[in-house]
Amino acid sequence: MNSLIREGDVRDILSKSAVLIVDDVFEKPAAGLHEALADYPDDSIYWLRGGESAKQWDQVKNVLTFLYEKRLVRDAVITVIGGGTVCDVGAFAASIYLRGVTLYLVPTTLLSMVDASVGGKTGINFQGKKNLVGTFYLAQEVVIDTLFLRSQPHQLITEGIAEIVKAGLLGDALLLDMLRDQGKNIIAGTIADEPFEDIVWRAIAVKHAIVTEDPREQGKRAFLNLGHTFAHALEAEEGRYSHGIAVAWGLRCAAHLSVYLNIATKEYYDKVRELLDIYDYPSKVSASAESLYAHMQYDKKKHGNVLRFVLQSAIGETTMVEPDEDSVLAILNEHTR
C-alpha cells in the first residue's frame, strides 16, 4: 500500500476528519489556517507546539489521552496539519492508538512536504538521540497545499531546500540545476509559483519512488539517509542547529568523505559544495569532532558495531560504505571549529 499524495486544499478533508492535530502556530488568526478551521469544532482540535521539543514521549502521551477522551474508534480519521515535527508526533500517535487508525497528513512547511510526510516514517527522539523510537505507518492521504509556502519565512524555506538538494543528488540532476538557477530568487523570496511548485513536486517524486520500491528500509530506502549520519550527530550535540541546516552540513561532509576515500572525484565534491554555498549553509559548525563521532555510535544504520555511511561516487550513484574511524574524524575535524 502507498499513500495517495495529491495537491489539494485542507478544506477538502476536514469533513472526513474525526479530530485534528494542528501545529499551534495556526492558533493565531493571521497564520493562514484560521478561516479554514472556523467551522470545525474547537474541542476536536489538539494544538501541538512544533519543534524538536515536541518529539518526546510526554507529548505523544498527551495526544493519546486526547484521542482516548474523544472515544475514537479504529475507522476514525485523524488529520495532522503542521510541520515536520508535528507530522512525526501526530503520525506516531495515530500508528499506535488502537494499533493504528486512519491517518491523513497536511504538511505545511517545505521540509515536511518534501520529507517528513512522505514514506510513512514516524517517530520521536529518546535519550537525546534522534528518532530512536518510531514506526513505519503510511498515511492514507498526504495533501500538498503549496499556498502554505507563500507566507513561509526565509529560514523555513532554507530548511526544506537542504532536503531537496539531497533528493536531487539521489535521483534528479535536473532538480539540482533548477536549485542552482533559481537560487537567488528562492533566497530573495521572488521565485514564481510555477518553478517553485515544480521543484517541490520533483523532490517529492524522488522520495516517493524510493520508498515505494523499499517501504521498510531493507535496501535502497537507506540511501535517503545521505548526509544524515553527520546531521543527526550534530543535532544531538548542538541544540541550536535545526534539522535542515544540519542536513546541509551533513551533505557537505558526506561529499567530502566520498572524495577522501577515493570513491568520488573532487569535481563531484565541488558541485555539491558550490550548490550548498548558494544558500549560505555553513561549512563548519561549532562542535567537537570526537563528541560528534560518539553520537554517531547510536546511528540506526549500524551493523553490529560498524558504522555505515551513505556516500556517492557521482550524482545519482549512491552506495553504503563502512569507513574507518580515522577517515570520519578527519572529515569532522575539517568541518568543525
C-alpha atoms as a PDB file:
ATOM      1  CA  MET A   1       0.000   0.000   0.000  1.00  0.00           C
ATOM      2  CA  ASN A   2       1.196   3.513  -0.823  1.00  0.00           C
ATOM      3  CA  SER A   3      -0.032   6.868   0.411  1.00  0.00           C
ATOM      4  CA  LEU A   4      -2.042   8.905  -2.043  1.00  0.00           C
ATOM      5  CA  ILE A   5      -0.019  12.104  -2.407  1.00  0.00           C
ATOM      6  CA  ARG A   6      -2.079  14.788  -4.072  1.00  0.00           C
ATOM      7  CA  GLU A   7      -2.405  18.503  -4.492  1.00  0.00           C
ATOM      8  CA  GLY A   8      -5.336  19.950  -2.599  1.00  0.00           C
ATOM      9  CA  ASP A   9      -6.814  22.302  -0.061  1.00  0.00           C
ATOM     10  CA  VAL A  10      -7.023  21.474   3.640  1.00  0.00           C
ATOM     11  CA  ARG A  11     -10.764  22.152   3.431  1.00  0.00           C
ATOM     12  CA  ASP A  12     -11.071  19.058   1.221  1.00  0.00           C
ATOM     13  CA  ILE A  13     -10.557  16.685   4.141  1.00  0.00           C
ATOM     14  CA  LEU A  14     -11.948  18.466   7.199  1.00  0.00           C
ATOM     15  CA  SER A  15     -15.365  16.870   6.775  1.00  0.00           C
ATOM     16  CA  LYS A  16     -13.764  13.393   6.818  1.00  0.00           C
ATOM     17  CA  SER A  17     -11.781  14.015   9.992  1.00  0.00           C
ATOM     18  CA  ALA A  18     -12.903  12.959  13.463  1.00  0.00           C
ATOM     19  CA  VAL A  19     -10.135  15.000  15.079  1.00  0.00           C
ATOM     20  CA  LEU A  20      -7.352  17.313  14.003  1.00  0.00           C
ATOM     21  CA  ILE A  21      -3.844  17.556  15.397  1.00  0.00           C
ATOM     22  CA  VAL A  22      -2.662  21.004  14.373  1.00  0.00           C
ATOM     23  CA  ASP A  23       0.582  22.935  14.715  1.00  0.00           C
ATOM     24  CA  ASP A  24      -0.122  25.635  17.288  1.00  0.00           C
ATOM     25  CA  VAL A  25       1.302  28.366  15.048  1.00  0.00           C
ATOM     26  CA  PHE A  26      -2.101  28.249  13.340  1.00  0.00           C
ATOM     27  CA  GLU A  27      -3.955  29.248  16.512  1.00  0.00           C
ATOM     28  CA  LYS A  28      -3.213  32.850  15.543  1.00  0.00           C
ATOM     29  CA  PRO A  29      -5.861  34.374  13.243  1.00  0.00           C
ATOM     30  CA  ALA A  30      -3.209  35.731  10.883  1.00  0.00           C
ATOM     31  CA  ALA A  31      -1.445  32.386  10.447  1.00  0.00           C
ATOM     32  CA  GLY A  32      -3.274  31.329   7.279  1.00  0.00           C
ATOM     33  CA  LEU A  33      -5.443  28.451   8.508  1.00  0.00           C
ATOM     34  CA  HIS A  34      -7.801  30.232  10.868  1.00  0.00           C
ATOM     35  CA  GLU A  35     -10.589  30.730   8.325  1.00  0.00           C
ATOM     36  CA  ALA A  36     -10.482  27.118   7.149  1.00  0.00           C
ATOM     37  CA  LEU A  37     -10.870  25.871  10.726  1.00  0.00           C
ATOM     38  CA  ALA A  38     -13.534  28.386  11.730  1.00  0.00           C
ATOM     39  CA  ASP A  39     -16.405  25.911  11.421  1.00  0.00           C
ATOM     40  CA  TYR A  40     -14.547  22.927  12.860  1.00  0.00           C
ATOM     41  CA  PRO A  41     -15.443  22.007  16.486  1.00  0.00           C
ATOM     42  CA  ASP A  42     -12.874  23.517  18.843  1.00  0.00           C
ATOM     43  CA  ASP A  43     -12.968  20.512  21.156  1.00  0.00           C
ATOM     44  CA  SER A  44     -11.938  18.211  18.300  1.00  0.00           C
ATOM     45  CA  ILE A  45      -8.670  20.083  17.642  1.00  0.00           C
ATOM     46  CA  TYR A  46      -5.492  19.249  19.525  1.00  0.00           C
ATOM     47  CA  TRP A  47      -2.985  22.085  19.254  1.00  0.00           C
ATOM     48  CA  LEU A  48       0.589  20.806  19.277  1.00  0.00           C
ATOM     49  CA  ARG A  49       3.625  23.033  19.513  1.00  0.00           C
ATOM     50  CA  GLY A  50       6.199  22.094  16.875  1.00  0.00           C
ATOM     51  CA  GLY A  51       9.961  21.891  17.127  1.00  0.00           C
ATOM     52  CA  GLU A  52      12.291  19.155  18.343  1.00  0.00           C
ATOM     53  CA  SER A  53      10.964  19.595  21.890  1.00  0.00           C
ATOM     54  CA  ALA A  54       7.654  18.142  20.642  1.00  0.00           C
ATOM     55  CA  LYS A  55       9.295  14.832  19.740  1.00  0.00           C
ATOM     56  CA  GLN A  56       9.124  13.436  23.265  1.00  0.00           C
ATOM     57  CA  TRP A  57       7.080  10.655  24.840  1.00  0.00           C
ATOM     58  CA  ASP A  58       5.207  13.115  27.099  1.00  0.00           C
ATOM     59  CA  GLN A  59       3.818  14.859  24.028  1.00  0.00           C
ATOM     60  CA  VAL A  60       2.772  11.552  22.463  1.00  0.00           C
ATOM     61  CA  LYS A  61       1.082  10.581  25.730  1.00  0.00           C
ATOM     62  CA  ASN A  62      -0.863  13.858  25.720  1.00  0.00           C
ATOM     63  CA  VAL A  63      -2.052  13.235  22.156  1.00  0.00           C
ATOM     64  CA  LEU A  64      -3.058   9.654  23.026  1.00  0.00           C
ATOM     65  CA  THR A  65      -5.014  10.924  26.035  1.00  0.00           C
ATOM     66  CA  PHE A  66      -6.841  13.365  23.768  1.00  0.00           C
ATOM     67  CA  LEU A  67      -7.721  10.570  21.325  1.00  0.00           C
ATOM     68  CA  TYR A  68      -8.903   8.366  24.196  1.00  0.00           C
ATOM     69  CA  GLU A  69     -11.085  11.104  25.651  1.00  0.00           C
ATOM     70  CA  LYS A  70     -12.645  11.665  22.225  1.00  0.00           C
ATOM     71  CA  ARG A  71     -13.513   7.928  22.199  1.00  0.00           C
ATOM     72  CA  LEU A  72     -12.108   7.438  18.735  1.00  0.00           C
ATOM     73  CA  VAL A  73     -12.758   4.111  17.046  1.00  0.00           C
ATOM     74  CA  ARG A  74     -10.392   2.393  14.637  1.00  0.00           C
ATOM     75  CA  ASP A  75     -12.110   3.594  11.451  1.00  0.00           C
ATOM     76  CA  ALA A  76     -11.968   7.225  12.574  1.00  0.00           C
ATOM     77  CA  VAL A  77      -9.779   9.621  10.581  1.00  0.00           C
ATOM     78  CA  ILE A  78      -7.058  11.636  12.293  1.00  0.00           C
ATOM     79  CA  THR A  79      -5.742  14.544  10.250  1.00  0.00           C
ATOM     80  CA  VAL A  80      -2.398  16.071  11.197  1.00  0.00           C
ATOM     81  CA  ILE A  81      -1.712  19.592   9.963  1.00  0.00           C
ATOM     82  CA  GLY A  82       1.708  21.114  10.517  1.00  0.00           C
ATOM     83  CA  GLY A  83       5.432  20.984  10.016  1.00  0.00           C
ATOM     84  CA  GLY A  84       7.748  18.007  10.194  1.00  0.00           C
ATOM     85  CA  THR A  85       7.856  17.501  13.954  1.00  0.00           C
ATOM     86  CA  VAL A  86       4.077  17.829  14.276  1.00  0.00           C
ATOM     87  CA  CYS A  87       3.638  15.275  11.466  1.00  0.00           C
ATOM     88  CA  ASP A  88       6.142  12.943  13.166  1.00  0.00           C
ATOM     89  CA  VAL A  89       4.418  13.062  16.553  1.00  0.00           C
ATOM     90  CA  GLY A  90       0.848  13.034  15.263  1.00  0.00           C
ATOM     91  CA  ALA A  91       1.521  10.146  12.884  1.00  0.00           C
ATOM     92  CA  PHE A  92       3.319   8.169  15.605  1.00  0.00           C
ATOM     93  CA  ALA A  93       0.334   8.563  17.927  1.00  0.00           C
ATOM     94  CA  ALA A  94      -2.049   7.511  15.127  1.00  0.00           C
ATOM     95  CA  SER A  95       0.091   4.447  14.420  1.00  0.00           C
ATOM     96  CA  ILE A  96      -0.065   3.084  17.982  1.00  0.00           C
ATOM     97  CA  TYR A  97      -3.559   4.156  19.102  1.00  0.00           C
ATOM     98  CA  LEU A  98      -5.861   1.112  18.720  1.00  0.00           C
ATOM     99  CA  ARG A  99      -2.898  -0.413  16.828  1.00  0.00           C
ATOM    100  CA  GLY A 100      -3.444   2.093  14.049  1.00  0.00           C
ATOM    101  CA  VAL A 101      -6.187   4.449  12.932  1.00  0.00           C
ATOM    102  CA  THR A 102      -6.683   6.107   9.553  1.00  0.00           C
ATOM    103  CA  LEU A 103      -4.250   8.964   9.062  1.00  0.00           C
ATOM    104  CA  TYR A 104      -4.242  11.975   6.762  1.00  0.00           C
ATOM    105  CA  LEU A 105      -1.317  14.402   6.648  1.00  0.00           C
ATOM    106  CA  VAL A 106      -1.337  18.035   5.574  1.00  0.00           C
ATOM    107  CA  PRO A 107       2.306  19.207   5.696  1.00  0.00           C
ATOM    108  CA  THR A 108       2.591  22.982   5.978  1.00  0.00           C
ATOM    109  CA  THR A 109       6.350  23.617   5.680  1.00  0.00           C
ATOM    110  CA  LEU A 110       8.639  22.950   2.763  1.00  0.00           C
ATOM    111  CA  LEU A 111      10.645  20.456   4.832  1.00  0.00           C
ATOM    112  CA  SER A 112       7.561  18.468   5.812  1.00  0.00           C
ATOM    113  CA  MET A 113       6.199  18.474   2.255  1.00  0.00           C
ATOM    114  CA  VAL A 114       9.308  17.019   0.661  1.00  0.00           C
ATOM    115  CA  ASP A 115      10.450  14.786   3.508  1.00  0.00           C
ATOM    116  CA  ALA A 116       8.561  14.141   6.772  1.00  0.00           C
ATOM    117  CA  SER A 117       5.146  13.473   5.244  1.00  0.00           C
ATOM    118  CA  VAL A 118       6.379  11.099   2.513  1.00  0.00           C
ATOM    119  CA  GLY A 119       7.149   7.453   3.157  1.00  0.00           C
ATOM    120  CA  GLY A 120       5.449   6.552   6.416  1.00  0.00           C
ATOM    121  CA  LYS A 121       8.240   7.022   8.943  1.00  0.00           C
ATOM    122  CA  THR A 122       7.015   8.302  12.311  1.00  0.00           C
ATOM    123  CA  GLY A 123       8.958   8.831  15.476  1.00  0.00           C
ATOM    124  CA  ILE A 124      10.214  10.674  18.490  1.00  0.00           C
ATOM    125  CA  ASN A 125      13.615  11.310  19.999  1.00  0.00           C
ATOM    126  CA  PHE A 126      14.737   9.278  23.003  1.00  0.00           C
ATOM    127  CA  GLN A 127      17.591   9.752  25.462  1.00  0.00           C
ATOM    128  CA  GLY A 128      18.748  12.687  23.366  1.00  0.00           C
ATOM    129  CA  LYS A 129      19.092  10.569  20.236  1.00  0.00           C
ATOM    130  CA  LYS A 130      17.272  11.430  17.013  1.00  0.00           C
ATOM    131  CA  ASN A 131      14.217   9.338  16.002  1.00  0.00           C
ATOM    132  CA  LEU A 132      15.261   6.396  18.177  1.00  0.00           C
ATOM    133  CA  VAL A 133      11.635   5.345  18.766  1.00  0.00           C
ATOM    134  CA  GLY A 134       9.110   5.129  15.944  1.00  0.00           C
ATOM    135  CA  THR A 135       7.109   3.112  13.461  1.00  0.00           C
ATOM    136  CA  PHE A 136       6.539   2.669   9.750  1.00  0.00           C
ATOM    137  CA  TYR A 137       2.949   3.820   9.210  1.00  0.00           C
ATOM    138  CA  LEU A 138       1.674   5.197   5.919  1.00  0.00           C
ATOM    139  CA  ALA A 139      -0.890   7.965   5.820  1.00  0.00           C
ATOM    140  CA  GLN A 140      -3.879   7.114   3.666  1.00  0.00           C
ATOM    141  CA  GLU A 141      -3.591  10.545   2.064  1.00  0.00           C
ATOM    142  CA  VAL A 142      -0.985  13.295   2.023  1.00  0.00           C
ATOM    143  CA  VAL A 143      -2.468  16.583   0.851  1.00  0.00           C
ATOM    144  CA  ILE A 144       0.061  19.098  -0.506  1.00  0.00           C
ATOM    145  CA  ASP A 145      -1.135  22.696  -0.482  1.00  0.00           C
ATOM    146  CA  THR A 146       1.720  24.902  -1.676  1.00  0.00           C
ATOM    147  CA  LEU A 147      -0.205  28.016  -0.675  1.00  0.00           C
ATOM    148  CA  PHE A 148       1.258  27.496   2.782  1.00  0.00           C
ATOM    149  CA  LEU A 149       4.685  28.273   1.331  1.00  0.00           C
ATOM    150  CA  ARG A 150       3.762  31.776   0.216  1.00  0.00           C
ATOM    151  CA  SER A 151       3.892  33.134   3.766  1.00  0.00           C
ATOM    152  CA  GLN A 152       6.781  30.960   4.940  1.00  0.00           C
ATOM    153  CA  PRO A 153       9.760  32.797   6.461  1.00  0.00           C
ATOM    154  CA  HIS A 154      13.096  32.503   4.678  1.00  0.00           C
ATOM    155  CA  GLN A 155      14.532  30.297   7.437  1.00  0.00           C
ATOM    156  CA  LEU A 156      11.877  27.612   6.913  1.00  0.00           C
ATOM    157  CA  ILE A 157      12.341  27.665   3.141  1.00  0.00           C
ATOM    158  CA  THR A 158      16.087  27.198   3.614  1.00  0.00           C
ATOM    159  CA  GLU A 159      15.373  24.250   5.935  1.00  0.00           C
ATOM    160  CA  GLY A 160      13.460  22.486   3.188  1.00  0.00           C
ATOM    161  CA  ILE A 161      15.913  23.272   0.406  1.00  0.00           C
ATOM    162  CA  ALA A 162      18.524  21.093   2.109  1.00  0.00           C
ATOM    163  CA  GLU A 163      16.310  18.005   1.746  1.00  0.00           C
ATOM    164  CA  ILE A 164      15.555  18.975  -1.854  1.00  0.00           C
ATOM    165  CA  VAL A 165      19.296  19.105  -2.575  1.00  0.00           C
ATOM    166  CA  LYS A 166      19.515  15.576  -1.165  1.00  0.00           C
ATOM    167  CA  ALA A 167      16.667  14.439  -3.419  1.00  0.00           C
ATOM    168  CA  GLY A 168      18.402  15.880  -6.457  1.00  0.00           C
ATOM    169  CA  LEU A 169      21.686  14.179  -5.563  1.00  0.00           C
ATOM    170  CA  LEU A 170      19.918  10.857  -5.209  1.00  0.00           C
ATOM    171  CA  GLY A 171      17.895  10.860  -8.376  1.00  0.00           C
ATOM    172  CA  ASP A 172      17.237  14.076 -10.286  1.00  0.00           C
ATOM    173  CA  ALA A 173      20.150  16.034 -11.759  1.00  0.00           C
ATOM    174  CA  LEU A 174      17.714  18.469 -13.392  1.00  0.00           C
ATOM    175  CA  LEU A 175      16.381  19.323  -9.948  1.00  0.00           C
ATOM    176  CA  LEU A 176      19.896  20.350  -8.924  1.00  0.00           C
ATOM    177  CA  ASP A 177      20.106  22.591 -11.992  1.00  0.00           C
ATOM    178  CA  MET A 178      16.811  24.202 -11.035  1.00  0.00           C
ATOM    179  CA  LEU A 179      18.042  24.839  -7.484  1.00  0.00           C
ATOM    180  CA  ARG A 180      21.198  26.381  -8.909  1.00  0.00           C
ATOM    181  CA  ASP A 181      19.393  28.529 -11.489  1.00  0.00           C
ATOM    182  CA  GLN A 182      16.654  29.668  -9.099  1.00  0.00           C
ATOM    183  CA  GLY A 183      18.915  30.128  -6.073  1.00  0.00           C
ATOM    184  CA  LYS A 184      18.868  33.920  -5.994  1.00  0.00           C
ATOM    185  CA  ASN A 185      15.099  34.022  -6.481  1.00  0.00           C
ATOM    186  CA  ILE A 186      14.489  31.451  -3.758  1.00  0.00           C
ATOM    187  CA  ILE A 187      16.705  33.321  -1.307  1.00  0.00           C
ATOM    188  CA  ALA A 188      15.054  36.646  -2.165  1.00  0.00           C
ATOM    189  CA  GLY A 189      11.569  35.163  -1.979  1.00  0.00           C
ATOM    190  CA  THR A 190      10.843  36.242  -5.548  1.00  0.00           C
ATOM    191  CA  ILE A 191      10.630  32.849  -7.243  1.00  0.00           C
ATOM    192  CA  ALA A 192       7.455  32.458  -9.278  1.00  0.00           C
ATOM    193  CA  ASP A 193       4.869  29.888  -8.194  1.00  0.00           C
ATOM    194  CA  GLU A 194       5.245  27.574 -11.178  1.00  0.00           C
ATOM    195  CA  PRO A 195       9.004  26.853 -10.951  1.00  0.00           C
ATOM    196  CA  PHE A 196       8.818  26.618  -7.163  1.00  0.00           C
ATOM    197  CA  GLU A 197       5.960  24.126  -7.289  1.00  0.00           C
ATOM    198  CA  ASP A 198       7.864  22.161  -9.930  1.00  0.00           C
ATOM    199  CA  ILE A 199      10.860  21.970  -7.572  1.00  0.00           C
ATOM    200  CA  VAL A 200       8.639  20.775  -4.715  1.00  0.00           C
ATOM    201  CA  TRP A 201       6.895  18.072  -6.730  1.00  0.00           C
ATOM    202  CA  ARG A 202      10.124  16.798  -8.289  1.00  0.00           C
ATOM    203  CA  ALA A 203      11.633  16.377  -4.816  1.00  0.00           C
ATOM    204  CA  ILE A 204       8.521  14.553  -3.611  1.00  0.00           C
ATOM    205  CA  ALA A 205       8.687  12.286  -6.674  1.00  0.00           C
ATOM    206  CA  VAL A 206      12.271  11.227  -5.910  1.00  0.00           C
ATOM    207  CA  LYS A 207      11.467  10.183  -2.351  1.00  0.00           C
ATOM    208  CA  HIS A 208       8.126   8.622  -3.251  1.00  0.00           C
ATOM    209  CA  ALA A 209       9.783   6.416  -5.907  1.00  0.00           C
ATOM    210  CA  ILE A 210      12.407   5.197  -3.447  1.00  0.00           C
ATOM    211  CA  VAL A 211      10.005   4.408  -0.588  1.00  0.00           C
ATOM    212  CA  THR A 212       7.585   2.693  -2.961  1.00  0.00           C
ATOM    213  CA  GLU A 213      10.373   0.339  -4.040  1.00  0.00           C
ATOM    214  CA  ASP A 214      11.598  -0.225  -0.468  1.00  0.00           C
ATOM    215  CA  PRO A 215       8.883   0.711   2.066  1.00  0.00           C
ATOM    216  CA  ARG A 216      10.583  -0.684   5.188  1.00  0.00           C
ATOM    217  CA  GLU A 217      14.217   0.247   4.525  1.00  0.00           C
ATOM    218  CA  GLN A 218      15.538  -3.180   3.630  1.00  0.00           C
ATOM    219  CA  GLY A 219      17.706  -1.758   0.874  1.00  0.00           C
ATOM    220  CA  LYS A 220      17.575   1.353  -1.289  1.00  0.00           C
ATOM    221  CA  ARG A 221      15.493   3.422   1.126  1.00  0.00           C
ATOM    222  CA  ALA A 222      18.560   3.699   3.363  1.00  0.00           C
ATOM    223  CA  PHE A 223      20.022   5.976   0.661  1.00  0.00           C
ATOM    224  CA  LEU A 224      17.605   8.654   1.881  1.00  0.00           C
ATOM    225  CA  ASN A 225      19.990   8.946   4.826  1.00  0.00           C
ATOM    226  CA  LEU A 226      22.596  10.620   2.608  1.00  0.00           C
ATOM    227  CA  GLY A 227      24.252  13.180   4.885  1.00  0.00           C
ATOM    228  CA  HIS A 228      22.126  12.175   7.851  1.00  0.00           C
ATOM    229  CA  THR A 229      24.732  10.274   9.881  1.00  0.00           C
ATOM    230  CA  PHE A 230      26.608  13.560  10.151  1.00  0.00           C
ATOM    231  CA  ALA A 231      23.404  15.585  10.525  1.00  0.00           C
ATOM    232  CA  HIS A 232      21.843  13.559  13.338  1.00  0.00           C
ATOM    233  CA  ALA A 233      25.104  13.628  15.283  1.00  0.00           C
ATOM    234  CA  LEU A 234      25.156  17.413  15.012  1.00  0.00           C
ATOM    235  CA  GLU A 235      21.531  17.694  16.125  1.00  0.00           C
ATOM    236  CA  ALA A 236      22.313  15.542  19.172  1.00  0.00           C
ATOM    237  CA  GLU A 237      25.353  17.646  20.014  1.00  0.00           C
ATOM    238  CA  GLU A 238      24.045  21.126  19.420  1.00  0.00           C
ATOM    239  CA  GLY A 239      20.552  22.331  20.211  1.00  0.00           C
ATOM    240  CA  ARG A 240      20.954  25.403  18.048  1.00  0.00           C
ATOM    241  CA  TYR A 241      21.308  23.646  14.696  1.00  0.00           C
ATOM    242  CA  SER A 242      17.982  22.821  13.074  1.00  0.00           C
ATOM    243  CA  HIS A 243      17.397  19.677  11.043  1.00  0.00           C
ATOM    244  CA  GLY A 244      17.620  21.386   7.644  1.00  0.00           C
ATOM    245  CA  ILE A 245      20.854  23.201   8.456  1.00  0.00           C
ATOM    246  CA  ALA A 246      22.302  20.004   9.918  1.00  0.00           C
ATOM    247  CA  VAL A 247      21.347  18.071   6.771  1.00  0.00           C
ATOM    248  CA  ALA A 248      23.028  20.644   4.526  1.00  0.00           C
ATOM    249  CA  TRP A 249      26.190  20.400   6.624  1.00  0.00           C
ATOM    250  CA  GLY A 250      25.910  16.612   6.570  1.00  0.00           C
ATOM    251  CA  LEU A 251      25.632  16.537   2.772  1.00  0.00           C
ATOM    252  CA  ARG A 252      28.807  18.594   2.545  1.00  0.00           C
ATOM    253  CA  CYS A 253      30.623  16.252   4.935  1.00  0.00           C
ATOM    254  CA  ALA A 254      29.394  13.146   3.114  1.00  0.00           C
ATOM    255  CA  ALA A 255      30.549  14.502  -0.243  1.00  0.00           C
ATOM    256  CA  HIS A 256      33.928  15.385   1.242  1.00  0.00           C
ATOM    257  CA  LEU A 257      34.238  11.898   2.790  1.00  0.00           C
ATOM    258  CA  SER A 258      33.487  10.351  -0.611  1.00  0.00           C
ATOM    259  CA  VAL A 259      36.473  12.184  -2.084  1.00  0.00           C
ATOM    260  CA  TYR A 260      38.667  11.457   0.933  1.00  0.00           C
ATOM    261  CA  LEU A 261      38.017   7.727   0.470  1.00  0.00           C
ATOM    262  CA  ASN A 262      38.651   7.978  -3.314  1.00  0.00           C
ATOM    263  CA  ILE A 263      35.072   6.978  -4.052  1.00  0.00           C
ATOM    264  CA  ALA A 264      34.211  10.221  -5.866  1.00  0.00           C
ATOM    265  CA  THR A 265      36.152  12.886  -7.729  1.00  0.00           C
ATOM    266  CA  LYS A 266      36.910  16.374  -6.468  1.00  0.00           C
ATOM    267  CA  GLU A 267      34.620  17.677  -9.239  1.00  0.00           C
ATOM    268  CA  TYR A 268      31.696  15.906  -7.557  1.00  0.00           C
ATOM    269  CA  TYR A 269      32.524  17.485  -4.197  1.00  0.00           C
ATOM    270  CA  ASP A 270      32.901  20.894  -5.810  1.00  0.00           C
ATOM    271  CA  LYS A 271      29.434  20.646  -7.387  1.00  0.00           C
ATOM    272  CA  VAL A 272      27.865  19.768  -4.048  1.00  0.00           C
ATOM    273  CA  ARG A 273      29.814  22.425  -2.174  1.00  0.00           C
ATOM    274  CA  GLU A 274      29.056  25.174  -4.692  1.00  0.00           C
ATOM    275  CA  LEU A 275      25.331  24.436  -4.631  1.00  0.00           C
ATOM    276  CA  LEU A 276      25.221  24.492  -0.825  1.00  0.00           C
ATOM    277  CA  ASP A 277      27.196  27.750  -0.826  1.00  0.00           C
ATOM    278  CA  ILE A 278      24.500  29.439  -2.927  1.00  0.00           C
ATOM    279  CA  TYR A 279      22.144  29.010   0.034  1.00  0.00           C
ATOM    280  CA  ASP A 280      24.798  30.099   2.546  1.00  0.00           C
ATOM    281  CA  TYR A 281      24.781  26.837   4.507  1.00  0.00           C
ATOM    282  CA  PRO A 282      27.663  26.593   6.985  1.00  0.00           C
ATOM    283  CA  SER A 283      30.770  24.660   6.005  1.00  0.00           C
ATOM    284  CA  LYS A 284      31.962  24.496   9.611  1.00  0.00           C
ATOM    285  CA  VAL A 285      29.996  24.112  12.840  1.00  0.00           C
ATOM    286  CA  SER A 286      30.853  24.744  16.468  1.00  0.00           C
ATOM    287  CA  ALA A 287      31.273  21.240  17.830  1.00  0.00           C
ATOM    288  CA  SER A 288      33.882  18.697  18.830  1.00  0.00           C
ATOM    289  CA  ALA A 289      34.797  16.076  16.234  1.00  0.00           C
ATOM    290  CA  GLU A 290      35.229  13.458  18.951  1.00  0.00           C
ATOM    291  CA  SER A 291      31.867  14.241  20.509  1.00  0.00           C
ATOM    292  CA  LEU A 292      30.107  14.089  17.143  1.00  0.00           C
ATOM    293  CA  TYR A 293      31.727  10.736  16.431  1.00  0.00           C
ATOM    294  CA  ALA A 294      30.489   9.456  19.790  1.00  0.00           C
ATOM    295  CA  HIS A 295      26.911  10.473  18.891  1.00  0.00           C
ATOM    296  CA  MET A 296      27.249   8.555  15.623  1.00  0.00           C
ATOM    297  CA  GLN A 297      27.522   5.305  17.582  1.00  0.00           C
ATOM    298  CA  TYR A 298      23.723   5.422  18.027  1.00  0.00           C
ATOM    299  CA  ASP A 299      23.083   5.665  14.294  1.00  0.00           C
ATOM    300  CA  LYS A 300      20.315   3.308  13.162  1.00  0.00           C
ATOM    301  CA  LYS A 301      22.252   2.145  10.074  1.00  0.00           C
ATOM    302  CA  LYS A 302      24.959   0.434  12.132  1.00  0.00           C
ATOM    303  CA  HIS A 303      25.602  -3.246  11.511  1.00  0.00           C
ATOM    304  CA  GLY A 304      26.829  -4.669  14.784  1.00  0.00           C
ATOM    305  CA  ASN A 305      29.488  -2.219  15.931  1.00  0.00           C
ATOM    306  CA  VAL A 306      30.278  -0.965  12.429  1.00  0.00           C
ATOM    307  CA  LEU A 307      29.191   2.498  11.329  1.00  0.00           C
ATOM    308  CA  ARG A 308      27.811   2.673   7.802  1.00  0.00           C
ATOM    309  CA  PHE A 309      27.604   5.882   5.775  1.00  0.00           C
ATOM    310  CA  VAL A 310      25.565   6.618   2.671  1.00  0.00           C
ATOM    311  CA  LEU A 311      28.024   8.068   0.151  1.00  0.00           C
ATOM    312  CA  GLN A 312      28.123   8.761  -3.573  1.00  0.00           C
ATOM    313  CA  SER A 313      30.589   8.096  -6.356  1.00  0.00           C
ATOM    314  CA  ALA A 314      28.702  10.602  -8.530  1.00  0.00           C
ATOM    315  CA  ILE A 315      25.326  12.321  -8.657  1.00  0.00           C
ATOM    316  CA  GLY A 316      22.739   9.552  -8.822  1.00  0.00           C
ATOM    317  CA  GLU A 317      25.318   6.863  -7.944  1.00  0.00           C
ATOM    318  CA  THR A 318      24.824   6.016  -4.274  1.00  0.00           C
ATOM    319  CA  THR A 319      26.256   3.280  -2.062  1.00  0.00           C
ATOM    320  CA  MET A 320      26.740   2.226   1.553  1.00  0.00           C
ATOM    321  CA  VAL A 321      30.290   2.413   2.914  1.00  0.00           C
ATOM    322  CA  GLU A 322      31.973   1.407   6.188  1.00  0.00           C
ATOM    323  CA  PRO A 323      34.791   3.933   6.599  1.00  0.00           C
ATOM    324  CA  ASP A 324      37.415   3.670   9.313  1.00  0.00           C
ATOM    325  CA  GLU A 325      37.273   5.928  12.353  1.00  0.00           C
ATOM    326  CA  ASP A 326      40.305   7.990  11.354  1.00  0.00           C
ATOM    327  CA  SER A 327      38.744   8.915   7.996  1.00  0.00           C
ATOM    328  CA  VAL A 328      35.484  10.052   9.593  1.00  0.00           C
ATOM    329  CA  LEU A 329      37.328  12.052  12.244  1.00  0.00           C
ATOM    330  CA  ALA A 330      39.476  13.683   9.560  1.00  0.00           C
ATOM    331  CA  ILE A 331      36.345  14.978   7.828  1.00  0.00           C
ATOM    332  CA  LEU A 332      34.755  16.056  11.099  1.00  0.00           C
ATOM    333  CA  ASN A 333      37.880  17.999  12.010  1.00  0.00           C
ATOM    334  CA  GLU A 334      37.764  19.729   8.612  1.00  0.00           C
ATOM    335  CA  HIS A 335      34.190  20.879   9.184  1.00  0.00           C
ATOM    336  CA  THR A 336      34.184  21.849  12.861  1.00  0.00           C
ATOM    337  CA  ARG A 337      35.704  24.723  14.730  1.00  0.00           C
END
